[in-house]
Protein backbone atom coordinates (compact mmCIF):
# COMPACT_ATOMS: atom_id res chain seq x y z
CA MET A 1 -9.69 -6.84 -8.57
CA TYR A 2 -8.60 -10.13 -10.07
CA ARG A 3 -4.99 -10.34 -11.13
CA PRO A 4 -3.43 -13.53 -12.46
CA GLY A 5 -0.71 -14.75 -10.13
CA ASN A 6 -2.13 -12.85 -7.14
CA ASN A 7 -2.86 -15.69 -4.75
CA THR A 8 -4.80 -13.96 -1.96
CA ALA A 9 -6.10 -17.29 -0.61
CA LYS A 10 -2.54 -18.45 0.05
CA LEU A 11 -1.70 -15.17 1.83
CA MET A 12 -4.82 -15.45 3.98
CA VAL A 13 -3.92 -19.01 5.02
CA GLU A 14 -0.37 -17.93 5.88
CA ARG A 15 -1.73 -15.10 8.06
CA LEU A 16 -4.10 -17.47 9.84
CA ILE A 17 -1.25 -19.88 10.52
CA TRP A 18 0.90 -17.08 11.99
CA ASN A 19 -2.03 -15.83 14.09
CA ASP A 20 -2.52 -19.35 15.46
CA ARG A 21 1.20 -19.78 16.20
CA ILE A 22 1.37 -16.46 18.04
CA ALA A 23 -1.80 -17.19 20.03
CA ARG A 24 -0.48 -20.63 21.10
CA ALA A 25 2.90 -19.16 22.03
CA LEU A 26 1.22 -16.48 24.17
CA ASP A 27 -1.14 -19.00 25.79
CA ASN A 28 1.75 -21.31 26.69
CA GLY A 29 4.34 -18.75 27.76
CA LEU A 30 6.58 -19.48 24.80
CA LEU A 31 7.01 -15.95 23.43
CA GLN A 32 10.14 -14.07 24.45
CA LEU A 33 10.62 -10.36 23.79
CA HIS A 34 14.12 -8.91 23.77
CA PHE A 35 14.95 -5.20 23.91
CA TRP A 36 18.30 -3.45 23.83
CA GLY A 37 19.42 0.12 23.53
CA ILE A 38 21.29 1.63 20.60
CA TYR A 39 23.69 4.31 21.83
CA HIS A 40 25.52 7.14 20.09
CA ALA A 41 29.21 6.21 19.92
CA GLY A 42 30.46 9.71 20.67
CA SER A 43 28.16 10.80 23.49
CA GLY A 44 27.00 7.45 24.86
CA GLU A 45 23.42 8.75 24.85
CA LEU A 46 20.57 6.40 24.11
CA ALA A 47 19.46 6.89 20.48
CA HIS A 48 16.60 4.38 20.38
CA TRP A 49 15.51 0.88 21.37
CA LYS A 50 15.67 -2.22 19.19
CA HIS A 51 13.46 -5.23 19.76
CA TRP A 52 13.30 -8.85 18.70
CA SER A 53 10.83 -11.56 19.53
CA ALA A 54 11.10 -15.31 19.30
CA CYS A 55 9.33 -18.44 20.32
CA THR A 56 11.28 -20.70 22.64
CA THR A 57 12.35 -24.13 21.51
CA ARG A 58 9.60 -25.83 23.51
CA THR A 59 6.68 -26.80 21.33
CA ALA A 60 3.26 -25.51 22.27
CA PRO A 61 0.62 -28.22 22.37
CA ALA A 62 -1.74 -28.17 19.40
CA SER A 63 -5.22 -26.89 20.08
């Protein structure tokens, strides 16, 4: 459905750019995943895992 101000083309381009960046980072070993546990303060038991991912500062060559 058409809605004024709903720029789906822009969103699609942004998704394609992110997909390309992720693919290049994976292809060039530039993606780092970080995991760490969140523990209950009282019992010290593991409650759940948190994660974070980042691309390293090296620049992947353009395709």
